[in-house]
Amino acid sequence: MTAAPDDGRQVEPHASRRKRLDLEPDTVERDLIKLVLTVVELLRQLMERQALRRFDEGDLTEEQEERVGLTLMLLEDRMAELRDRYGLRPEDLNLDLGPLGPLLPRD
């Protein structure tokens, strides 16, 4: 133990240091991909909900509805390909926000 701070508590050496990160090149790349795919998935879900709202309100022409639907399907397929490439499952992209719950709503 080191010297006590002004309030009389004992402090363990290095107790205030944050846990060290595992900075292996393979895990850094995978974790970065995981973070990027999480953000993209969040945006994809938000765009999908917005499109559904616009469909329900009749704001889009048939051609626009078809184009938006196709684009969202292609984006979902591409996301699945990228998850597969990096060995990620859909639930791996859902960050736990503690008391707020998961980042991504369950479909």
Protein backbone atom coordinates (compact mmCIF):
# COMPACT_ATOMS: atom_id res chain seq x y z
CA MET A 1 0.00 0.00 0.00
CA THR A 2 1.11 3.54 -0.63
CA ALA A 3 0.82 6.61 1.50
CA ALA A 4 -2.66 7.57 2.56
CA PRO A 5 -4.35 10.51 0.84
CA ASP A 6 -5.41 13.52 2.91
CA ASP A 7 -8.65 11.80 3.97
CA GLY A 8 -6.80 8.90 5.62
CA ARG A 9 -7.68 6.18 3.05
CA GLN A 10 -5.06 3.71 1.87
CA VAL A 11 -4.60 3.50 -1.91
CA GLU A 12 -3.40 0.41 -3.76
CA PRO A 13 -0.65 1.08 -6.31
CA HIS A 14 -2.12 1.45 -9.79
CA ALA A 15 -5.66 1.23 -8.40
CA SER A 16 -6.68 4.37 -10.25
CA ARG A 17 -5.39 3.10 -13.58
CA ARG A 18 -7.95 1.83 -16.02
CA LYS A 19 -7.83 -1.76 -17.11
CA ARG A 20 -5.44 -2.22 -19.98
CA LEU A 21 -6.88 -2.89 -23.38
CA ASP A 22 -5.95 -5.95 -25.36
CA LEU A 23 -4.28 -4.32 -28.35
CA GLU A 24 -3.63 -7.40 -30.43
CA PRO A 25 -3.87 -6.45 -34.13
CA ASP A 26 -6.53 -9.10 -34.82
CA THR A 27 -8.78 -8.03 -31.96
CA VAL A 28 -8.37 -4.32 -32.68
CA GLU A 29 -9.52 -4.82 -36.27
CA ARG A 30 -12.45 -7.03 -35.23
CA ASP A 31 -13.50 -4.62 -32.46
CA LEU A 32 -13.31 -1.67 -34.84
CA ILE A 33 -15.40 -3.53 -37.42
CA LYS A 34 -17.87 -4.45 -34.67
CA LEU A 35 -18.22 -0.80 -33.65
CA VAL A 36 -18.63 0.41 -37.25
CA LEU A 37 -21.19 -2.30 -38.03
CA THR A 38 -23.08 -1.43 -34.83
CA VAL A 39 -23.38 2.20 -35.94
CA VAL A 40 -24.40 1.16 -39.46
CA GLU A 41 -26.99 -1.28 -38.07
CA LEU A 42 -28.43 1.43 -35.84
CA LEU A 43 -28.73 3.78 -38.83
CA ARG A 44 -30.22 1.00 -40.98
CA GLN A 45 -32.90 0.31 -38.39
CA LEU A 46 -33.68 4.02 -38.05
CA MET A 47 -33.97 4.38 -41.85
CA GLU A 48 -36.20 1.31 -41.99
CA ARG A 49 -38.54 2.72 -39.33
CA GLN A 50 -38.63 6.08 -41.09
CA ALA A 51 -39.44 4.39 -44.40
CA LEU A 52 -42.25 2.36 -42.79
CA ARG A 53 -43.68 5.54 -41.29
CA ARG A 54 -43.58 7.25 -44.69
CA PHE A 55 -45.17 4.18 -46.34
CA ASP A 56 -47.99 4.25 -43.78
CA GLU A 57 -48.56 7.98 -44.28
CA GLY A 58 -48.55 7.66 -48.06
CA ASP A 59 -45.68 10.15 -48.51
CA LEU A 60 -43.96 8.05 -51.19
CA THR A 61 -44.85 7.13 -54.73
CA GLU A 62 -44.93 3.45 -55.68
CA GLU A 63 -41.59 3.86 -57.44
CA GLN A 64 -40.04 5.47 -54.34
CA GLU A 65 -41.45 2.74 -52.10
CA GLU A 66 -39.98 0.07 -54.34
CA ARG A 67 -36.60 1.77 -54.49
CA VAL A 68 -36.44 2.31 -50.71
CA GLY A 69 -37.52 -1.28 -50.04
CA LEU A 70 -34.90 -2.67 -52.41
CA THR A 71 -32.18 -0.45 -50.95
CA LEU A 72 -33.00 -1.54 -47.39
CA MET A 73 -33.01 -5.21 -48.40
CA LEU A 74 -29.63 -4.84 -50.12
CA LEU A 75 -28.20 -3.06 -47.10
CA GLU A 76 -29.46 -5.81 -44.79
CA ASP A 77 -27.89 -8.46 -47.06
CA ARG A 78 -24.58 -6.60 -47.14
CA MET A 79 -24.62 -6.29 -43.35
CA ALA A 80 -25.13 -10.07 -43.09
CA GLU A 81 -22.16 -10.65 -45.42
CA LEU A 82 -19.91 -8.39 -43.34
CA ARG A 83 -21.00 -10.00 -40.07
CA ASP A 84 -20.25 -13.42 -41.55
CA ARG A 85 -16.85 -12.29 -42.81
CA TYR A 86 -15.82 -11.14 -39.33
CA GLY A 87 -17.53 -13.93 -37.40
CA LEU A 88 -20.14 -11.69 -35.80
CA ARG A 89 -23.73 -12.51 -34.96
CA PRO A 90 -26.50 -9.88 -35.08
CA GLU A 91 -26.65 -9.85 -31.27
CA ASP A 92 -22.90 -9.07 -31.12
CA LEU A 93 -23.70 -5.63 -32.52
CA ASN A 94 -26.12 -4.76 -29.73
CA LEU A 95 -24.27 -2.73 -27.11
CA ASP A 96 -25.41 -2.97 -23.51
CA LEU A 97 -26.08 0.57 -22.26
CA GLY A 98 -26.45 -0.50 -18.64
CA PRO A 99 -29.56 0.93 -17.01
CA LEU A 100 -30.78 2.22 -20.39
CA GLY A 101 -30.89 -1.30 -21.81
CA PRO A 102 -29.64 -2.49 -25.19
CA LEU A 103 -28.75 0.01 -27.93
CA LEU A 104 -30.60 -1.79 -30.70
CA PRO A 105 -34.26 -2.61 -30.22
CA ARG A 106 -35.24 -6.20 -30.84
CA ASP A 107 -37.23 -6.62 -34.02
